[in-house]
């Protein structure tokens, strides 16, 4: 079972990913896209920021959006990160609420146990 929150963000201009704050070191935050093309376009930038890009969402996902799964431990331990991320969201779903979890089941399954498309490992080696 997931805990924390799922944030839905609208994908805007080409450098959309650069608006996102970097994931705190040692934390796992995943992103899924409604469209595989968006994942390909923004995946490398998100990987450099520490986000794990997981496989594209099912067909019924909203086009032009990205969903970011943040677990409760990250929210509790990194409130500045959380605040800077949540202000960018067009929707936020608390996973403590049963109806939200039921409604987002397909999206959440893209994040839990899914194949990682891009991750921090995409970062260039340090000199």
N, C-alpha and C. Protein backbone atom coordinates (compact mmCIF):
# COMPACT_ATOMS: atom_id res chain seq x y z
N UNK A 1 0.84 -1.19 0.00
CA UNK A 1 0.00 0.00 0.00
C UNK A 1 0.88 1.25 0.00
N UNK A 2 0.51 2.21 -0.80
CA UNK A 2 1.24 3.47 -0.87
C UNK A 2 0.77 4.39 0.25
N UNK A 3 1.65 5.27 0.67
CA UNK A 3 1.25 6.34 1.56
C UNK A 3 1.87 7.61 1.02
N UNK A 4 1.42 8.73 1.47
CA UNK A 4 1.93 9.99 0.96
C UNK A 4 0.93 10.67 0.05
N UNK A 5 1.40 11.11 -1.12
CA UNK A 5 0.52 11.85 -2.03
C UNK A 5 0.93 11.64 -3.47
N UNK A 6 -0.06 11.79 -4.33
CA UNK A 6 0.18 11.78 -5.76
C UNK A 6 -0.16 13.18 -6.27
N UNK A 7 0.79 13.81 -6.93
CA UNK A 7 0.60 15.15 -7.47
C UNK A 7 0.46 15.05 -8.98
N UNK A 8 -0.50 15.77 -9.53
CA UNK A 8 -0.66 15.83 -10.99
C UNK A 8 -0.22 17.22 -11.44
N UNK A 9 0.70 17.24 -12.38
CA UNK A 9 1.22 18.49 -12.92
C UNK A 9 0.97 18.54 -14.41
N UNK A 10 0.61 19.71 -14.89
CA UNK A 10 0.46 19.91 -16.33
C UNK A 10 1.84 20.17 -16.93
N UNK A 11 2.09 19.52 -18.04
CA UNK A 11 3.36 19.72 -18.74
C UNK A 11 3.22 20.96 -19.60
N UNK A 12 4.07 21.91 -19.36
CA UNK A 12 4.00 23.16 -20.11
C UNK A 12 5.05 23.22 -21.20
N UNK A 13 5.87 24.21 -21.15
CA UNK A 13 6.87 24.45 -22.18
C UNK A 13 7.94 23.36 -22.20
N UNK A 14 8.82 23.46 -23.18
CA UNK A 14 9.85 22.43 -23.41
C UNK A 14 10.73 22.20 -22.18
N UNK A 15 10.99 23.22 -21.40
CA UNK A 15 11.88 23.09 -20.24
C UNK A 15 11.07 22.92 -18.95
N UNK A 16 9.92 22.30 -19.06
CA UNK A 16 9.01 22.09 -17.94
C UNK A 16 9.71 21.43 -16.75
N UNK A 17 10.49 20.40 -17.00
CA UNK A 17 11.11 19.62 -15.92
C UNK A 17 12.08 20.47 -15.09
N UNK A 18 12.67 21.47 -15.69
CA UNK A 18 13.66 22.29 -14.99
C UNK A 18 13.03 23.14 -13.88
N UNK A 19 11.71 23.25 -13.85
CA UNK A 19 11.03 23.98 -12.77
C UNK A 19 10.97 23.17 -11.48
N UNK A 20 11.10 21.86 -11.60
CA UNK A 20 10.94 20.99 -10.44
C UNK A 20 12.16 21.04 -9.53
N UNK A 21 11.93 20.99 -8.22
CA UNK A 21 13.07 20.96 -7.29
C UNK A 21 13.74 19.59 -7.35
N UNK A 22 15.05 19.54 -7.12
CA UNK A 22 15.73 18.23 -7.09
C UNK A 22 15.24 17.39 -5.92
N UNK A 23 15.19 16.09 -6.14
CA UNK A 23 14.78 15.16 -5.09
C UNK A 23 15.86 15.15 -4.01
N UNK A 24 15.47 15.21 -2.75
CA UNK A 24 16.47 15.14 -1.68
C UNK A 24 17.28 13.84 -1.80
N UNK A 25 18.57 13.94 -1.54
CA UNK A 25 19.47 12.81 -1.66
C UNK A 25 19.00 11.64 -0.79
N UNK A 26 19.01 10.46 -1.36
CA UNK A 26 18.61 9.27 -0.64
C UNK A 26 17.12 8.99 -0.66
N UNK A 27 16.33 9.83 -1.31
CA UNK A 27 14.88 9.65 -1.37
C UNK A 27 14.46 9.14 -2.75
N UNK A 28 13.34 8.44 -2.76
CA UNK A 28 12.79 7.95 -4.02
C UNK A 28 11.48 8.65 -4.30
N UNK A 29 11.44 9.34 -5.43
CA UNK A 29 10.23 10.00 -5.89
C UNK A 29 10.08 9.61 -7.36
N UNK A 30 8.90 9.11 -7.73
CA UNK A 30 8.72 8.64 -9.10
C UNK A 30 7.75 9.52 -9.87
N UNK A 31 7.94 9.50 -11.20
CA UNK A 31 7.11 10.29 -12.11
C UNK A 31 6.62 9.37 -13.21
N UNK A 32 5.34 9.47 -13.54
CA UNK A 32 4.80 8.78 -14.70
C UNK A 32 4.12 9.81 -15.59
N UNK A 33 4.05 9.50 -16.86
CA UNK A 33 3.46 10.40 -17.83
C UNK A 33 2.27 9.74 -18.50
N UNK A 34 1.34 10.55 -18.97
CA UNK A 34 0.21 10.03 -19.72
C UNK A 34 0.65 9.60 -21.11
N UNK A 35 1.77 10.12 -21.57
CA UNK A 35 2.22 9.86 -22.94
C UNK A 35 3.69 9.45 -22.93
N UNK A 36 4.02 8.38 -23.63
CA UNK A 36 5.41 7.91 -23.70
C UNK A 36 6.32 8.94 -24.35
N UNK A 37 5.79 9.75 -25.25
CA UNK A 37 6.59 10.81 -25.88
C UNK A 37 7.03 11.85 -24.87
N UNK A 38 6.15 12.20 -23.93
CA UNK A 38 6.53 13.14 -22.87
C UNK A 38 7.60 12.54 -21.97
N UNK A 39 7.48 11.24 -21.69
CA UNK A 39 8.50 10.57 -20.87
C UNK A 39 9.85 10.62 -21.57
N UNK A 40 9.86 10.39 -22.86
CA UNK A 40 11.12 10.43 -23.62
C UNK A 40 11.69 11.85 -23.65
N UNK A 41 10.84 12.83 -23.81
CA UNK A 41 11.30 14.23 -23.91
C UNK A 41 11.84 14.76 -22.59
N UNK A 42 11.21 14.41 -21.48
CA UNK A 42 11.56 15.00 -20.19
C UNK A 42 12.30 14.04 -19.25
N UNK A 43 12.41 12.79 -19.63
CA UNK A 43 12.98 11.78 -18.74
C UNK A 43 14.41 12.04 -18.32
N UNK A 44 15.26 12.44 -19.26
CA UNK A 44 16.67 12.68 -18.91
C UNK A 44 16.81 13.82 -17.90
N UNK A 45 16.08 14.91 -18.13
CA UNK A 45 16.16 16.05 -17.21
C UNK A 45 15.67 15.65 -15.82
N UNK A 46 14.58 14.89 -15.77
CA UNK A 46 14.07 14.44 -14.47
C UNK A 46 15.04 13.50 -13.79
N UNK A 47 15.68 12.62 -14.55
CA UNK A 47 16.67 11.71 -13.98
C UNK A 47 17.82 12.47 -13.35
N UNK A 48 18.26 13.53 -13.99
CA UNK A 48 19.34 14.35 -13.44
C UNK A 48 18.93 15.04 -12.15
N UNK A 49 17.64 15.29 -12.00
CA UNK A 49 17.13 15.90 -10.77
C UNK A 49 16.83 14.88 -9.69
N UNK A 50 17.01 13.59 -9.99
CA UNK A 50 16.82 12.55 -9.00
C UNK A 50 15.49 11.83 -9.06
N UNK A 51 14.63 12.17 -10.01
CA UNK A 51 13.34 11.51 -10.14
C UNK A 51 13.48 10.19 -10.88
N UNK A 52 12.70 9.20 -10.48
CA UNK A 52 12.62 7.92 -11.19
C UNK A 52 11.46 8.02 -12.15
N UNK A 53 11.73 7.94 -13.43
CA UNK A 53 10.67 7.98 -14.43
C UNK A 53 10.24 6.54 -14.69
N UNK A 54 8.96 6.28 -14.46
CA UNK A 54 8.43 4.93 -14.65
C UNK A 54 7.61 4.90 -15.94
N UNK A 55 7.27 3.70 -16.36
CA UNK A 55 6.56 3.51 -17.63
C UNK A 55 5.32 4.40 -17.72
N UNK A 56 4.95 4.75 -18.94
CA UNK A 56 3.78 5.60 -19.17
C UNK A 56 2.53 4.98 -18.57
N UNK A 57 1.61 5.84 -18.21
CA UNK A 57 0.36 5.42 -17.57
C UNK A 57 -0.59 4.75 -18.58
N UNK A 58 -1.63 4.14 -18.06
CA UNK A 58 -2.64 3.53 -18.93
C UNK A 58 -3.33 4.57 -19.83
N UNK A 59 -4.03 4.08 -20.82
CA UNK A 59 -4.67 4.94 -21.82
C UNK A 59 -5.61 5.99 -21.24
N UNK A 60 -6.23 5.71 -20.10
CA UNK A 60 -7.21 6.67 -19.58
C UNK A 60 -6.58 7.82 -18.79
N UNK A 61 -5.26 7.88 -18.73
CA UNK A 61 -4.59 8.99 -18.04
C UNK A 61 -4.81 10.29 -18.83
N UNK A 62 -4.70 11.41 -18.14
CA UNK A 62 -4.91 12.71 -18.77
C UNK A 62 -3.71 13.11 -19.62
N UNK A 63 -3.93 13.35 -20.90
CA UNK A 63 -2.85 13.76 -21.80
C UNK A 63 -2.27 15.09 -21.34
N UNK A 64 -0.97 15.26 -21.54
CA UNK A 64 -0.30 16.50 -21.17
C UNK A 64 -0.04 16.65 -19.69
N UNK A 65 -0.05 15.53 -18.96
CA UNK A 65 0.18 15.59 -17.52
C UNK A 65 1.27 14.61 -17.10
N UNK A 66 1.82 14.89 -15.94
CA UNK A 66 2.75 13.99 -15.27
C UNK A 66 2.24 13.80 -13.85
N UNK A 67 2.36 12.59 -13.34
CA UNK A 67 1.97 12.30 -11.97
C UNK A 67 3.22 11.96 -11.17
N UNK A 68 3.37 12.62 -10.03
CA UNK A 68 4.54 12.43 -9.17
C UNK A 68 4.08 11.80 -7.86
N UNK A 69 4.67 10.67 -7.54
CA UNK A 69 4.35 9.96 -6.30
C UNK A 69 5.42 10.28 -5.27
N UNK A 70 4.98 10.86 -4.14
CA UNK A 70 5.88 11.24 -3.05
C UNK A 70 5.40 10.52 -1.80
N UNK A 71 6.26 9.69 -1.21
CA UNK A 71 5.80 8.96 -0.02
C UNK A 71 5.81 9.87 1.21
N UNK A 72 5.09 9.44 2.22
CA UNK A 72 4.89 10.26 3.42
C UNK A 72 6.20 10.56 4.13
N UNK A 73 7.12 9.63 4.11
CA UNK A 73 8.42 9.84 4.77
C UNK A 73 9.17 11.02 4.14
N UNK A 74 9.13 11.13 2.82
CA UNK A 74 9.76 12.27 2.14
C UNK A 74 9.05 13.56 2.52
N UNK A 75 7.72 13.53 2.54
CA UNK A 75 6.94 14.72 2.90
C UNK A 75 7.29 15.18 4.32
N UNK A 76 7.37 14.24 5.24
CA UNK A 76 7.65 14.57 6.65
C UNK A 76 9.08 15.05 6.87
N UNK A 77 10.03 14.43 6.21
CA UNK A 77 11.45 14.74 6.45
C UNK A 77 11.99 15.91 5.64
N UNK A 78 11.30 16.26 4.57
CA UNK A 78 11.80 17.32 3.69
C UNK A 78 10.66 18.30 3.35
N UNK A 79 10.18 19.03 4.35
CA UNK A 79 9.03 19.92 4.12
C UNK A 79 9.31 21.03 3.11
N UNK A 80 10.52 21.54 3.03
CA UNK A 80 10.82 22.59 2.04
C UNK A 80 10.72 22.03 0.62
N UNK A 81 11.24 20.83 0.43
CA UNK A 81 11.12 20.17 -0.88
C UNK A 81 9.64 19.98 -1.21
N UNK A 82 8.89 19.44 -0.28
CA UNK A 82 7.47 19.17 -0.50
C UNK A 82 6.72 20.45 -0.87
N UNK A 83 6.93 21.52 -0.14
CA UNK A 83 6.24 22.78 -0.43
C UNK A 83 6.60 23.30 -1.82
N UNK A 84 7.87 23.20 -2.20
CA UNK A 84 8.27 23.72 -3.51
C UNK A 84 7.73 22.86 -4.65
N UNK A 85 7.43 21.60 -4.36
CA UNK A 85 6.86 20.72 -5.39
C UNK A 85 5.34 20.87 -5.47
N UNK A 86 4.69 20.90 -4.33
CA UNK A 86 3.22 20.91 -4.32
C UNK A 86 2.65 22.19 -4.92
N UNK A 87 3.36 23.30 -4.84
CA UNK A 87 2.84 24.54 -5.43
C UNK A 87 2.78 24.46 -6.95
N UNK A 88 3.50 23.54 -7.56
CA UNK A 88 3.49 23.36 -9.01
C UNK A 88 2.36 22.47 -9.49
N UNK A 89 1.72 21.77 -8.57
CA UNK A 89 0.69 20.79 -8.93
C UNK A 89 -0.65 21.45 -9.24
N UNK A 90 -1.35 20.87 -10.20
CA UNK A 90 -2.72 21.31 -10.48
C UNK A 90 -3.71 20.51 -9.63
N UNK A 91 -3.30 19.32 -9.20
CA UNK A 91 -4.11 18.48 -8.31
C UNK A 91 -3.19 17.74 -7.37
N UNK A 92 -3.67 17.51 -6.15
CA UNK A 92 -2.94 16.72 -5.16
C UNK A 92 -3.92 15.75 -4.52
N UNK A 93 -3.50 14.50 -4.47
CA UNK A 93 -4.35 13.45 -3.90
C UNK A 93 -3.64 12.84 -2.70
N UNK A 94 -4.28 12.89 -1.55
CA UNK A 94 -3.73 12.24 -0.37
C UNK A 94 -4.02 10.75 -0.46
N UNK A 95 -2.99 9.94 -0.32
CA UNK A 95 -3.17 8.50 -0.41
C UNK A 95 -3.63 7.90 0.91
N UNK A 96 -3.88 8.76 1.91
CA UNK A 96 -4.47 8.30 3.16
C UNK A 96 -5.99 8.15 2.99
N UNK A 97 -6.51 8.69 1.90
CA UNK A 97 -7.96 8.65 1.65
C UNK A 97 -8.29 7.49 0.72
N UNK A 98 -9.10 6.59 1.17
CA UNK A 98 -9.47 5.41 0.40
C UNK A 98 -10.02 5.71 -0.98
N UNK A 99 -10.96 6.65 -1.12
CA UNK A 99 -11.51 6.94 -2.46
C UNK A 99 -10.44 7.40 -3.46
N UNK A 100 -9.48 8.18 -3.01
CA UNK A 100 -8.42 8.63 -3.91
C UNK A 100 -7.59 7.44 -4.39
N UNK A 101 -7.28 6.53 -3.49
CA UNK A 101 -6.50 5.36 -3.85
C UNK A 101 -7.27 4.49 -4.84
N UNK A 102 -8.57 4.33 -4.61
CA UNK A 102 -9.39 3.55 -5.54
C UNK A 102 -9.44 4.19 -6.92
N UNK A 103 -9.62 5.49 -6.96
CA UNK A 103 -9.73 6.21 -8.22
C UNK A 103 -8.41 6.19 -8.99
N UNK A 104 -7.29 6.19 -8.29
CA UNK A 104 -5.97 6.30 -8.92
C UNK A 104 -5.24 4.97 -9.00
N UNK A 105 -5.94 3.88 -8.84
CA UNK A 105 -5.30 2.56 -8.81
C UNK A 105 -4.40 2.28 -9.99
N UNK A 106 -4.86 2.59 -11.21
CA UNK A 106 -4.04 2.34 -12.40
C UNK A 106 -2.78 3.21 -12.42
N UNK A 107 -2.93 4.46 -12.02
CA UNK A 107 -1.77 5.36 -11.99
C UNK A 107 -0.77 4.90 -10.94
N UNK A 108 -1.27 4.54 -9.76
CA UNK A 108 -0.38 4.10 -8.69
C UNK A 108 0.36 2.83 -9.08
N UNK A 109 -0.30 1.94 -9.81
CA UNK A 109 0.38 0.71 -10.22
C UNK A 109 1.53 1.01 -11.19
N UNK A 110 1.46 2.12 -11.90
CA UNK A 110 2.57 2.51 -12.77
C UNK A 110 3.80 2.91 -11.95
N UNK A 111 3.58 3.31 -10.70
CA UNK A 111 4.67 3.75 -9.84
C UNK A 111 5.22 2.64 -8.95
N UNK A 112 4.38 1.73 -8.53
CA UNK A 112 4.79 0.69 -7.59
C UNK A 112 5.13 -0.59 -8.35
N UNK A 113 6.35 -0.99 -8.26
CA UNK A 113 6.78 -2.22 -8.91
C UNK A 113 6.91 -2.09 -10.41
N UNK A 114 6.88 -0.89 -10.92
CA UNK A 114 6.94 -0.69 -12.36
C UNK A 114 8.38 -0.64 -12.85
N UNK A 115 8.53 -0.84 -14.11
CA UNK A 115 9.84 -0.75 -14.73
C UNK A 115 10.29 0.71 -14.75
N UNK A 116 11.47 0.95 -14.24
CA UNK A 116 12.03 2.31 -14.24
C UNK A 116 12.60 2.60 -15.62
N UNK A 117 12.17 3.70 -16.19
CA UNK A 117 12.64 4.11 -17.51
C UNK A 117 13.89 4.98 -17.37
N UNK A 118 13.86 5.92 -16.45
CA UNK A 118 15.00 6.79 -16.19
C UNK A 118 15.13 6.95 -14.68
N UNK A 119 16.36 7.10 -14.21
CA UNK A 119 16.58 7.35 -12.78
C UNK A 119 17.83 8.18 -12.61
N UNK A 120 18.21 8.40 -11.36
CA UNK A 120 19.39 9.20 -11.05
C UNK A 120 20.63 8.64 -11.74
N UNK A 121 20.62 7.37 -12.08
CA UNK A 121 21.78 6.77 -12.74
C UNK A 121 22.07 7.41 -14.08
N UNK A 122 21.11 8.20 -14.60
CA UNK A 122 21.35 8.90 -15.84
C UNK A 122 22.30 10.08 -15.65
N UNK A 123 22.56 10.43 -14.40
CA UNK A 123 23.45 11.56 -14.10
C UNK A 123 24.86 11.26 -14.59
N UNK A 124 25.49 12.27 -15.13
CA UNK A 124 26.87 12.11 -15.59
C UNK A 124 27.78 11.86 -14.40
N UNK A 125 28.81 11.03 -14.57
CA UNK A 125 29.72 10.78 -13.45
C UNK A 125 30.40 12.05 -13.00
N UNK A 126 30.64 12.12 -11.71
CA UNK A 126 31.33 13.31 -11.16
C UNK A 126 32.80 13.23 -11.49
N UNK A 127 33.37 14.39 -11.75
CA UNK A 127 34.80 14.45 -12.10
C UNK A 127 35.65 14.38 -10.86
